[in-house]
Amino acid sequence: MSSPTDSARVRSAFSTDPTDLGSAQKLMVFVLSMTLFGLANILTEVLPEVRLGPVELSVSYLAFVPVVMVCLFHPLYAALGAPLGEIVFVDLLMGDFSGFAELEGYIQLSLGLYIAGSMVRDPRRRGQVALAAVVAVGVDKMLGGIVDIGKVYVGVADAEYVDGLAESVLLLEGIGFSTDLVISGVLFGAVPAAYLALRLHGRIEPLLGLAPRDPAQPLRLRARVSARFLLVGIFLAFVAMIAAFMSEIDANFGVWEPEFIDQYGQKFLWIGVSAALIVLIALVFAARALNRSRTARAGDRT
């Protein structure tokens, strides 16, 4: 049986304040979010797509994975890491890297996840988590739709029109937004995220040496409705739009699209899976080493 002194050492080894993250813990949250969402996006590569005329029904991404991360951990670092997982483990390793144009999707999804995670005060409240999933996908897809409409009306991209319907661009974007919100936001977002966040709360945070999020301790650096935050959001959306416009006028750079995917096909997905698993295993060992170090330091102080 452990003594009271041993219990105190263990407790002191972990951060008692979920808002107090060291540099190593910030990096681990970032990498964990990046790796898990990268694995999730590899899975979506093999999911089937259904096309009904000009409307495409597909799973854009498994939204519940990054949503759970921004609900359990600090939303800023989890939101910055998650979209990078798709870029690293899917786009780069699968030879479909769009260069500077990748900045569009990264900004849109990061912003959506950051806002969504900041809305959640208690990850054990399923309603808050479910709403966060819908908001995350909604912000991402709304900004993407605005950019797509802007590209058409500026004239840098061709539109998909429906015969006899002059405003079909707006109609198709509206339909696409609605289907993405239902499929990615609700079916593969809100429903599983609300269940997983409740089950994982208090179980996964200690692995990184963190205390679970506490409603009584609001997070620092969380998104707040203010003029400053709105200005930053508008600026980032503008940067995303510029990146999208540059890709359409052939002013993009950093594109990497090798031909080995045509040679190996879907089998090459295992390269991304293997890379993500290696990073995940390395993260687990690093977290254990950090926790042992913190426990040892706490024992020396007592």
C-alpha atoms as a PDB file:
ATOM      1  CA  MET A   1       0.000   0.000   0.000  1.00  0.00           C
ATOM      2  CA  SER A   2       1.368   3.414  -0.943  1.00  0.00           C
ATOM      3  CA  SER A   3       2.137   5.863   1.835  1.00  0.00           C
ATOM      4  CA  PRO A   4       0.740   9.437   1.994  1.00  0.00           C
ATOM      5  CA  THR A   5       4.218  10.694   1.125  1.00  0.00           C
ATOM      6  CA  ASP A   6       4.290   8.601  -2.064  1.00  0.00           C
ATOM      7  CA  SER A   7       0.840   9.864  -3.081  1.00  0.00           C
ATOM      8  CA  ALA A   8       1.920  13.452  -2.559  1.00  0.00           C
ATOM      9  CA  ARG A   9       4.971  12.880  -4.742  1.00  0.00           C
ATOM     10  CA  VAL A  10       2.849  11.481  -7.558  1.00  0.00           C
ATOM     11  CA  ARG A  11       0.378  14.356  -7.369  1.00  0.00           C
ATOM     12  CA  SER A  12       3.120  16.954  -7.338  1.00  0.00           C
ATOM     13  CA  ALA A  13       4.703  15.352 -10.403  1.00  0.00           C
ATOM     14  CA  PHE A  14       1.738  16.381 -12.501  1.00  0.00           C
ATOM     15  CA  SER A  15       0.570  19.844 -13.330  1.00  0.00           C
ATOM     16  CA  THR A  16      -2.195  20.688 -10.831  1.00  0.00           C
ATOM     17  CA  ASP A  17      -3.284  23.568 -13.024  1.00  0.00           C
ATOM     18  CA  PRO A  18      -4.548  22.477 -16.470  1.00  0.00           C
ATOM     19  CA  THR A  19      -3.790  25.972 -17.766  1.00  0.00           C
ATOM     20  CA  ASP A  20      -0.121  25.730 -16.747  1.00  0.00           C
ATOM     21  CA  LEU A  21       1.726  23.938 -19.546  1.00  0.00           C
ATOM     22  CA  GLY A  22       5.467  23.716 -19.876  1.00  0.00           C
ATOM     23  CA  SER A  23       7.184  23.870 -23.250  1.00  0.00           C
ATOM     24  CA  ALA A  24       7.549  20.078 -23.377  1.00  0.00           C
ATOM     25  CA  GLN A  25       3.874  19.550 -22.582  1.00  0.00           C
ATOM     26  CA  LYS A  26       2.780  22.063 -25.210  1.00  0.00           C
ATOM     27  CA  LEU A  27       4.879  20.218 -27.760  1.00  0.00           C
ATOM     28  CA  MET A  28       3.449  16.834 -26.728  1.00  0.00           C
ATOM     29  CA  VAL A  29      -0.131  18.097 -27.038  1.00  0.00           C
ATOM     30  CA  PHE A  30       0.755  19.518 -30.452  1.00  0.00           C
ATOM     31  CA  VAL A  31       2.390  16.286 -31.651  1.00  0.00           C
ATOM     32  CA  LEU A  32      -0.324  14.017 -30.214  1.00  0.00           C
ATOM     33  CA  SER A  33      -3.047  16.025 -31.942  1.00  0.00           C
ATOM     34  CA  MET A  34      -1.060  16.055 -35.191  1.00  0.00           C
ATOM     35  CA  THR A  35      -0.416  12.305 -35.129  1.00  0.00           C
ATOM     36  CA  LEU A  36      -3.931  11.175 -34.238  1.00  0.00           C
ATOM     37  CA  PHE A  37      -5.562  13.407 -36.839  1.00  0.00           C
ATOM     38  CA  GLY A  38      -3.008  12.273 -39.400  1.00  0.00           C
ATOM     39  CA  LEU A  39      -3.986   8.647 -38.776  1.00  0.00           C
ATOM     40  CA  ALA A  40      -7.663   9.587 -38.985  1.00  0.00           C
ATOM     41  CA  ASN A  41      -7.143  11.290 -42.346  1.00  0.00           C
ATOM     42  CA  ILE A  42      -5.356   8.237 -43.716  1.00  0.00           C
ATOM     43  CA  LEU A  43      -8.489   6.261 -42.890  1.00  0.00           C
ATOM     44  CA  THR A  44     -10.706   8.717 -44.776  1.00  0.00           C
ATOM     45  CA  GLU A  45      -8.609   8.115 -47.890  1.00  0.00           C
ATOM     46  CA  VAL A  46     -10.135   4.636 -48.224  1.00  0.00           C
ATOM     47  CA  LEU A  47     -13.727   5.599 -47.391  1.00  0.00           C
ATOM     48  CA  PRO A  48     -16.075   5.551 -50.417  1.00  0.00           C
ATOM     49  CA  GLU A  49     -17.559   8.678 -51.973  1.00  0.00           C
ATOM     50  CA  VAL A  50     -21.056   9.013 -53.381  1.00  0.00           C
ATOM     51  CA  ARG A  51     -21.826  11.552 -56.103  1.00  0.00           C
ATOM     52  CA  LEU A  52     -25.375  12.644 -56.905  1.00  0.00           C
ATOM     53  CA  GLY A  53     -25.105  14.881 -59.956  1.00  0.00           C
ATOM     54  CA  PRO A  54     -23.050  17.947 -58.964  1.00  0.00           C
ATOM     55  CA  VAL A  55     -23.314  17.078 -55.235  1.00  0.00           C
ATOM     56  CA  GLU A  56     -20.632  14.917 -53.633  1.00  0.00           C
ATOM     57  CA  LEU A  57     -21.385  13.019 -50.438  1.00  0.00           C
ATOM     58  CA  SER A  58     -18.205  12.083 -48.593  1.00  0.00           C
ATOM     59  CA  VAL A  59     -16.492  12.262 -45.236  1.00  0.00           C
ATOM     60  CA  SER A  60     -14.213  15.299 -45.347  1.00  0.00           C
ATOM     61  CA  TYR A  61     -12.450  14.204 -42.174  1.00  0.00           C
ATOM     62  CA  LEU A  62     -13.169  12.399 -38.910  1.00  0.00           C
ATOM     63  CA  ALA A  63     -13.932  15.563 -36.978  1.00  0.00           C
ATOM     64  CA  PHE A  64     -14.351  13.835 -33.639  1.00  0.00           C
ATOM     65  CA  VAL A  65     -10.598  13.162 -33.391  1.00  0.00           C
ATOM     66  CA  PRO A  66      -9.373  16.789 -33.292  1.00  0.00           C
ATOM     67  CA  VAL A  67     -12.520  17.935 -31.478  1.00  0.00           C
ATOM     68  CA  VAL A  68     -11.838  15.549 -28.597  1.00  0.00           C
ATOM     69  CA  MET A  69      -8.248  16.814 -28.496  1.00  0.00           C
ATOM     70  CA  VAL A  70      -9.231  20.498 -28.259  1.00  0.00           C
ATOM     71  CA  CYS A  71     -11.846  19.635 -25.626  1.00  0.00           C
ATOM     72  CA  LEU A  72      -9.522  17.630 -23.371  1.00  0.00           C
ATOM     73  CA  PHE A  73      -6.315  19.637 -23.810  1.00  0.00           C
ATOM     74  CA  HIS A  74      -5.521  23.287 -24.374  1.00  0.00           C
ATOM     75  CA  PRO A  75      -7.390  24.192 -27.593  1.00  0.00           C
ATOM     76  CA  LEU A  76      -4.654  26.446 -28.963  1.00  0.00           C
ATOM     77  CA  TYR A  77      -1.888  23.842 -29.159  1.00  0.00           C
ATOM     78  CA  ALA A  78      -4.218  21.001 -30.138  1.00  0.00           C
ATOM     79  CA  ALA A  79      -5.799  23.133 -32.873  1.00  0.00           C
ATOM     80  CA  LEU A  80      -2.427  24.138 -34.294  1.00  0.00           C
ATOM     81  CA  GLY A  81      -1.251  20.520 -34.403  1.00  0.00           C
ATOM     82  CA  ALA A  82      -4.267  18.707 -35.840  1.00  0.00           C
ATOM     83  CA  PRO A  83      -4.354  20.158 -39.394  1.00  0.00           C
ATOM     84  CA  LEU A  84      -0.616  19.636 -39.708  1.00  0.00           C
ATOM     85  CA  GLY A  85      -1.210  15.898 -39.331  1.00  0.00           C
ATOM     86  CA  GLU A  86      -3.044  15.783 -42.639  1.00  0.00           C
ATOM     87  CA  ILE A  87      -0.310  17.782 -44.352  1.00  0.00           C
ATOM     88  CA  VAL A  88       2.544  15.635 -43.019  1.00  0.00           C
ATOM     89  CA  PHE A  89       1.133  12.107 -42.962  1.00  0.00           C
ATOM     90  CA  VAL A  90      -1.255  12.303 -45.917  1.00  0.00           C
ATOM     91  CA  ASP A  91      -0.322  15.078 -48.335  1.00  0.00           C
ATOM     92  CA  LEU A  92       3.472  14.927 -48.102  1.00  0.00           C
ATOM     93  CA  LEU A  93       3.863  11.172 -47.721  1.00  0.00           C
ATOM     94  CA  MET A  94       1.166  10.451 -50.309  1.00  0.00           C
ATOM     95  CA  GLY A  95       2.703  12.814 -52.853  1.00  0.00           C
ATOM     96  CA  ASP A  96      -0.204  15.266 -53.011  1.00  0.00           C
ATOM     97  CA  PHE A  97       1.295  18.353 -51.392  1.00  0.00           C
ATOM     98  CA  SER A  98      -0.114  21.602 -52.783  1.00  0.00           C
ATOM     99  CA  GLY A  99       2.634  23.834 -51.477  1.00  0.00           C
ATOM    100  CA  PHE A 100       1.658  27.300 -50.293  1.00  0.00           C
ATOM    101  CA  ALA A 101      -1.992  26.534 -51.056  1.00  0.00           C
ATOM    102  CA  GLU A 102      -2.038  24.132 -48.078  1.00  0.00           C
ATOM    103  CA  LEU A 103      -2.078  27.215 -45.889  1.00  0.00           C
ATOM    104  CA  GLU A 104      -5.737  27.762 -46.759  1.00  0.00           C
ATOM    105  CA  GLY A 105      -6.986  24.521 -45.252  1.00  0.00           C
ATOM    106  CA  TYR A 106      -4.590  24.738 -42.316  1.00  0.00           C
ATOM    107  CA  ILE A 107      -5.805  28.179 -41.252  1.00  0.00           C
ATOM    108  CA  GLN A 108      -9.474  27.386 -41.708  1.00  0.00           C
ATOM    109  CA  LEU A 109      -9.462  24.150 -39.711  1.00  0.00           C
ATOM    110  CA  SER A 110      -7.131  25.505 -37.002  1.00  0.00           C
ATOM    111  CA  LEU A 111      -9.368  28.512 -36.498  1.00  0.00           C
ATOM    112  CA  GLY A 112     -12.498  26.365 -36.346  1.00  0.00           C
ATOM    113  CA  LEU A 113     -10.973  23.942 -33.831  1.00  0.00           C
ATOM    114  CA  TYR A 114      -9.572  26.744 -31.678  1.00  0.00           C
ATOM    115  CA  ILE A 115     -12.950  28.459 -31.437  1.00  0.00           C
ATOM    116  CA  ALA A 116     -14.707  25.156 -30.767  1.00  0.00           C
ATOM    117  CA  GLY A 117     -12.287  24.071 -28.030  1.00  0.00           C
ATOM    118  CA  SER A 118     -12.504  27.460 -26.346  1.00  0.00           C
ATOM    119  CA  MET A 119     -16.288  27.130 -26.133  1.00  0.00           C
ATOM    120  CA  VAL A 120     -16.029  23.980 -24.017  1.00  0.00           C
ATOM    121  CA  ARG A 121     -15.673  24.618 -20.295  1.00  0.00           C
ATOM    122  CA  ASP A 122     -16.374  21.078 -19.108  1.00  0.00           C
ATOM    123  CA  PRO A 123     -15.526  18.154 -21.467  1.00  0.00           C
ATOM    124  CA  ARG A 124     -17.858  15.963 -19.422  1.00  0.00           C
ATOM    125  CA  ARG A 125     -20.858  17.923 -20.702  1.00  0.00           C
ATOM    126  CA  ARG A 126     -21.906  16.131 -23.859  1.00  0.00           C
ATOM    127  CA  GLY A 127     -23.923  19.066 -25.132  1.00  0.00           C
ATOM    128  CA  GLN A 128     -20.913  21.370 -25.052  1.00  0.00           C
ATOM    129  CA  VAL A 129     -18.711  18.859 -26.865  1.00  0.00           C
ATOM    130  CA  ALA A 130     -21.362  18.120 -29.506  1.00  0.00           C
ATOM    131  CA  LEU A 131     -21.851  21.828 -30.166  1.00  0.00           C
ATOM    132  CA  ALA A 132     -18.073  22.276 -30.408  1.00  0.00           C
ATOM    133  CA  ALA A 133     -17.869  19.612 -33.131  1.00  0.00           C
ATOM    134  CA  VAL A 134     -20.574  21.311 -35.187  1.00  0.00           C
ATOM    135  CA  VAL A 135     -18.939  24.723 -34.724  1.00  0.00           C
ATOM    136  CA  ALA A 136     -15.486  23.433 -35.702  1.00  0.00           C
ATOM    137  CA  VAL A 137     -16.736  21.927 -38.965  1.00  0.00           C
ATOM    138  CA  GLY A 138     -19.075  24.854 -39.561  1.00  0.00           C
ATOM    139  CA  VAL A 139     -16.325  27.480 -39.294  1.00  0.00           C
ATOM    140  CA  ASP A 140     -13.955  25.434 -41.462  1.00  0.00           C
ATOM    141  CA  LYS A 141     -16.491  24.762 -44.219  1.00  0.00           C
ATOM    142  CA  MET A 142     -18.010  28.251 -44.098  1.00  0.00           C
ATOM    143  CA  LEU A 143     -14.619  29.877 -44.633  1.00  0.00           C
ATOM    144  CA  GLY A 144     -13.841  27.355 -47.378  1.00  0.00           C
ATOM    145  CA  GLY A 145     -17.143  28.114 -49.103  1.00  0.00           C
ATOM    146  CA  ILE A 146     -16.523  31.862 -48.941  1.00  0.00           C
ATOM    147  CA  VAL A 147     -13.098  31.353 -50.508  1.00  0.00           C
ATOM    148  CA  ASP A 148     -14.546  29.154 -53.286  1.00  0.00           C
ATOM    149  CA  ILE A 149     -17.259  31.701 -54.082  1.00  0.00           C
ATOM    150  CA  GLY A 150     -14.687  34.484 -54.030  1.00  0.00           C
ATOM    151  CA  LYS A 151     -12.471  32.618 -56.504  1.00  0.00           C
ATOM    152  CA  VAL A 152     -15.385  32.282 -58.917  1.00  0.00           C
ATOM    153  CA  TYR A 153     -16.551  35.887 -58.697  1.00  0.00           C
ATOM    154  CA  VAL A 154     -13.025  37.276 -58.915  1.00  0.00           C
ATOM    155  CA  GLY A 155     -12.504  35.109 -61.962  1.00  0.00           C
ATOM    156  CA  VAL A 156      -9.530  32.986 -60.945  1.00  0.00           C
ATOM    157  CA  ALA A 157     -11.533  29.726 -60.983  1.00  0.00           C
ATOM    158  CA  ASP A 158     -14.255  28.215 -63.146  1.00  0.00           C
ATOM    159  CA  ALA A 159     -17.648  27.552 -61.628  1.00  0.00           C
ATOM    160  CA  GLU A 160     -19.734  24.400 -61.679  1.00  0.00           C
ATOM    161  CA  TYR A 161     -23.088  25.527 -63.007  1.00  0.00           C
ATOM    162  CA  VAL A 162     -26.429  23.815 -63.155  1.00  0.00           C
ATOM    163  CA  ASP A 163     -28.201  24.362 -66.461  1.00  0.00           C
ATOM    164  CA  GLY A 164     -30.936  26.949 -66.177  1.00  0.00           C
ATOM    165  CA  LEU A 165     -29.864  28.181 -62.747  1.00  0.00           C
ATOM    166  CA  ALA A 166     -27.755  31.320 -62.803  1.00  0.00           C
ATOM    167  CA  GLU A 167     -27.041  31.354 -59.074  1.00  0.00           C
ATOM    168  CA  SER A 168     -26.030  27.696 -58.967  1.00  0.00           C
ATOM    169  CA  VAL A 169     -22.617  28.551 -57.482  1.00  0.00           C
ATOM    170  CA  LEU A 170     -24.244  29.743 -54.281  1.00  0.00           C
ATOM    171  CA  LEU A 171     -26.678  26.826 -54.353  1.00  0.00           C
ATOM    172  CA  LEU A 172     -23.953  24.198 -54.747  1.00  0.00           C
ATOM    173  CA  GLU A 173     -21.822  25.769 -52.024  1.00  0.00           C
ATOM    174  CA  GLY A 174     -24.841  25.847 -49.734  1.00  0.00           C
ATOM    175  CA  ILE A 175     -25.617  22.189 -50.417  1.00  0.00           C
ATOM    176  CA  GLY A 176     -21.981  21.235 -49.933  1.00  0.00           C
ATOM    177  CA  PHE A 177     -21.845  23.134 -46.647  1.00  0.00           C
ATOM    178  CA  SER A 178     -25.033  21.444 -45.401  1.00  0.00           C
ATOM    179  CA  THR A 179     -23.906  17.921 -46.307  1.00  0.00           C
ATOM    180  CA  ASP A 180     -20.464  18.453 -44.763  1.00  0.00           C
ATOM    181  CA  LEU A 181     -22.069  19.783 -41.596  1.00  0.00           C
ATOM    182  CA  VAL A 182     -24.330  16.747 -41.313  1.00  0.00           C
ATOM    183  CA  ILE A 183     -21.793  14.080 -42.295  1.00  0.00           C
ATOM    184  CA  SER A 184     -18.533  15.416 -40.839  1.00  0.00           C
ATOM    185  CA  GLY A 185     -19.984  17.710 -38.190  1.00  0.00           C
ATOM    186  CA  VAL A 186     -22.714  15.506 -36.729  1.00  0.00           C
ATOM    187  CA  LEU A 187     -22.318  11.863 -37.772  1.00  0.00           C
ATOM    188  CA  PHE A 188     -18.506  11.780 -37.624  1.00  0.00           C
ATOM    189  CA  GLY A 189     -18.126  14.705 -35.251  1.00  0.00           C
ATOM    190  CA  ALA A 190     -20.669  15.522 -32.575  1.00  0.00           C
ATOM    191  CA  VAL A 191     -21.968  12.009 -31.907  1.00  0.00           C
ATOM    192  CA  PRO A 192     -18.659  10.160 -31.330  1.00  0.00           C
ATOM    193  CA  ALA A 193     -16.908  13.209 -29.799  1.00  0.00           C
ATOM    194  CA  ALA A 194     -19.550  13.642 -27.092  1.00  0.00           C
ATOM    195  CA  TYR A 195     -19.118  10.005 -26.068  1.00  0.00           C
ATOM    196  CA  LEU A 196     -15.312   9.841 -26.282  1.00  0.00           C
ATOM    197  CA  ALA A 197     -14.619  13.120 -24.479  1.00  0.00           C
ATOM    198  CA  LEU A 198     -16.612  11.926 -21.482  1.00  0.00           C
ATOM    199  CA  ARG A 199     -14.927   8.526 -21.452  1.00  0.00           C
ATOM    200  CA  LEU A 200     -11.383   9.862 -21.907  1.00  0.00           C
ATOM    201  CA  HIS A 201     -11.616  12.835 -19.549  1.00  0.00           C
ATOM    202  CA  GLY A 202      -9.242  12.298 -16.640  1.00  0.00           C
ATOM    203  CA  ARG A 203      -7.680   9.213 -18.226  1.00  0.00           C
ATOM    204  CA  ILE A 204      -5.529  10.516 -21.078  1.00  0.00           C
ATOM    205  CA  GLU A 205      -4.295  13.807 -19.584  1.00  0.00           C
ATOM    206  CA  PRO A 206      -2.063  12.208 -16.892  1.00  0.00           C
ATOM    207  CA  LEU A 207      -0.141  10.438 -19.666  1.00  0.00           C
ATOM    208  CA  LEU A 208       1.246  13.861 -20.603  1.00  0.00           C
ATOM    209  CA  GLY A 209       1.629  14.984 -16.996  1.00  0.00           C
ATOM    210  CA  LEU A 210      -1.444  17.230 -17.107  1.00  0.00           C
ATOM    211  CA  ALA A 211      -4.428  17.639 -14.872  1.00  0.00           C
ATOM    212  CA  PRO A 212      -7.868  17.337 -16.556  1.00  0.00           C
ATOM    213  CA  ARG A 213      -9.590  20.533 -17.612  1.00  0.00           C
ATOM    214  CA  ASP A 214     -11.553  22.055 -14.757  1.00  0.00           C
ATOM    215  CA  PRO A 215     -14.613  24.297 -15.308  1.00  0.00           C
ATOM    216  CA  ALA A 216     -13.499  26.353 -12.303  1.00  0.00           C
ATOM    217  CA  GLN A 217     -10.191  27.225 -14.021  1.00  0.00           C
ATOM    218  CA  PRO A 218     -10.755  28.968 -17.374  1.00  0.00           C
ATOM    219  CA  LEU A 219      -7.948  28.376 -19.831  1.00  0.00           C
ATOM    220  CA  ARG A 220      -5.467  31.067 -20.679  1.00  0.00           C
ATOM    221  CA  LEU A 221      -5.075  32.010 -24.342  1.00  0.00           C
ATOM    222  CA  ARG A 222      -8.541  30.717 -25.197  1.00  0.00           C
ATOM    223  CA  ALA A 223     -10.613  32.374 -27.911  1.00  0.00           C
ATOM    224  CA  ARG A 224     -12.827  35.183 -26.647  1.00  0.00           C
ATOM    225  CA  VAL A 225     -15.355  37.317 -28.442  1.00  0.00           C
ATOM    226  CA  SER A 226     -13.527  40.613 -28.755  1.00  0.00           C
ATOM    227  CA  ALA A 227     -12.578  43.147 -31.387  1.00  0.00           C
ATOM    228  CA  ARG A 228      -8.978  41.957 -31.237  1.00  0.00           C
ATOM    229  CA  PHE A 229      -9.885  38.328 -31.851  1.00  0.00           C
ATOM    230  CA  LEU A 230     -12.253  39.254 -34.698  1.00  0.00           C
ATOM    231  CA  LEU A 231      -9.521  41.305 -36.375  1.00  0.00           C
ATOM    232  CA  VAL A 232      -7.031  38.446 -36.067  1.00  0.00           C
ATOM    233  CA  GLY A 233      -9.633  36.006 -37.443  1.00  0.00           C
ATOM    234  CA  ILE A 234     -10.408  38.258 -40.411  1.00  0.00           C
ATOM    235  CA  PHE A 235      -6.697  38.683 -41.141  1.00  0.00           C
ATOM    236  CA  LEU A 236      -6.108  34.907 -41.066  1.00  0.00           C
ATOM    237  CA  ALA A 237      -9.120  34.324 -43.317  1.00  0.00           C
ATOM    238  CA  PHE A 238      -7.695  36.889 -45.734  1.00  0.00           C
ATOM    239  CA  VAL A 239      -4.328  35.094 -45.739  1.00  0.00           C
ATOM    240  CA  ALA A 240      -6.118  31.802 -46.460  1.00  0.00           C
ATOM    241  CA  MET A 241      -7.966  33.425 -49.361  1.00  0.00           C
ATOM    242  CA  ILE A 242      -4.741  34.816 -50.826  1.00  0.00           C
ATOM    243  CA  ALA A 243      -3.146  31.355 -50.624  1.00  0.00           C
ATOM    244  CA  ALA A 244      -6.136  29.853 -52.450  1.00  0.00           C
ATOM    245  CA  PHE A 245      -6.069  32.556 -55.135  1.00  0.00           C
ATOM    246  CA  MET A 246      -2.354  32.047 -55.738  1.00  0.00           C
ATOM    247  CA  SER A 247      -2.862  28.341 -56.375  1.00  0.00           C
ATOM    248  CA  GLU A 248      -5.505  29.120 -59.003  1.00  0.00           C
ATOM    249  CA  ILE A 249      -3.377  31.610 -60.955  1.00  0.00           C
ATOM    250  CA  ASP A 250      -0.355  29.264 -61.049  1.00  0.00           C
ATOM    251  CA  ALA A 251       1.564  31.489 -58.623  1.00  0.00           C
ATOM    252  CA  ASN A 252       1.790  28.656 -56.126  1.00  0.00           C
ATOM    253  CA  PHE A 253       5.145  27.306 -54.961  1.00  0.00           C
ATOM    254  CA  GLY A 254       6.390  24.326 -52.993  1.00  0.00           C
ATOM    255  CA  VAL A 255       4.153  21.851 -54.831  1.00  0.00           C
ATOM    256  CA  TRP A 256       5.285  18.227 -54.549  1.00  0.00           C
ATOM    257  CA  GLU A 257       3.411  15.624 -56.582  1.00  0.00           C
ATOM    258  CA  PRO A 258       5.714  12.687 -57.452  1.00  0.00           C
ATOM    259  CA  GLU A 259       4.545   9.828 -59.621  1.00  0.00           C
ATOM    260  CA  PHE A 260       5.213   6.963 -57.213  1.00  0.00           C
ATOM    261  CA  ILE A 261       1.589   6.987 -56.011  1.00  0.00           C
ATOM    262  CA  ASP A 262       0.448   5.957 -59.489  1.00  0.00           C
ATOM    263  CA  GLN A 263       2.888   3.072 -59.302  1.00  0.00           C
ATOM    264  CA  TYR A 264       2.053   1.746 -55.833  1.00  0.00           C
ATOM    265  CA  GLY A 265      -1.532   2.941 -55.431  1.00  0.00           C
ATOM    266  CA  GLN A 266      -3.347   2.630 -52.101  1.00  0.00           C
ATOM    267  CA  LYS A 267      -0.635   0.344 -50.728  1.00  0.00           C
ATOM    268  CA  PHE A 268       1.455   3.434 -50.126  1.00  0.00           C
ATOM    269  CA  LEU A 269      -0.997   4.431 -47.364  1.00  0.00           C
ATOM    270  CA  TRP A 270       0.910   2.073 -45.080  1.00  0.00           C
ATOM    271  CA  ILE A 271       3.900   4.410 -45.283  1.00  0.00           C
ATOM    272  CA  GLY A 272       1.856   7.177 -43.680  1.00  0.00           C
ATOM    273  CA  VAL A 273       0.394   4.787 -41.106  1.00  0.00           C
ATOM    274  CA  SER A 274       3.858   3.508 -40.182  1.00  0.00           C
ATOM    275  CA  ALA A 275       5.282   7.020 -39.880  1.00  0.00           C
ATOM    276  CA  ALA A 276       2.399   8.162 -37.680  1.00  0.00           C
ATOM    277  CA  LEU A 277       2.689   5.112 -35.427  1.00  0.00           C
ATOM    278  CA  ILE A 278       6.441   5.644 -35.030  1.00  0.00           C
ATOM    279  CA  VAL A 279       5.840   9.254 -33.975  1.00  0.00           C
ATOM    280  CA  LEU A 280       3.056   8.160 -31.604  1.00  0.00           C
ATOM    281  CA  ILE A 281       5.249   5.493 -29.950  1.00  0.00           C
ATOM    282  CA  ALA A 282       8.102   7.975 -29.603  1.00  0.00           C
ATOM    283  CA  LEU A 283       5.693  10.436 -27.989  1.00  0.00           C
ATOM    284  CA  VAL A 284       4.580   7.826 -25.450  1.00  0.00           C
ATOM    285  CA  PHE A 285       8.175   7.087 -24.439  1.00  0.00           C
ATOM    286  CA  ALA A 286       8.970  10.804 -24.251  1.00  0.00           C
ATOM    287  CA  ALA A 287       5.926  11.438 -22.056  1.00  0.00           C
ATOM    288  CA  ARG A 288       6.897   8.605 -19.703  1.00  0.00           C
ATOM    289  CA  ALA A 289      10.448   9.889 -19.453  1.00  0.00           C
ATOM    290  CA  LEU A 290       9.191  13.399 -18.699  1.00  0.00           C
ATOM    291  CA  ASN A 291       6.808  12.116 -16.040  1.00  0.00           C
ATOM    292  CA  ARG A 292       9.556  10.069 -14.388  1.00  0.00           C
ATOM    293  CA  SER A 293      11.787  13.135 -14.354  1.00  0.00           C
ATOM    294  CA  ARG A 294       9.056  15.280 -12.816  1.00  0.00           C
ATOM    295  CA  THR A 295       8.298  12.597 -10.229  1.00  0.00           C
ATOM    296  CA  ALA A 296      11.979  12.353  -9.290  1.00  0.00           C
ATOM    297  CA  ARG A 297      12.272  16.135  -8.913  1.00  0.00           C
ATOM    298  CA  ALA A 298       9.124  16.206  -6.786  1.00  0.00           C
ATOM    299  CA  GLY A 299      10.576  13.443  -4.589  1.00  0.00           C
ATOM    300  CA  ASP A 300      13.788  15.401  -4.112  1.00  0.00           C
ATOM    301  CA  ARG A 301      11.852  18.440  -2.930  1.00  0.00           C
ATOM    302  CA  THR A 302       9.886  16.476  -0.294  1.00  0.00           C
END
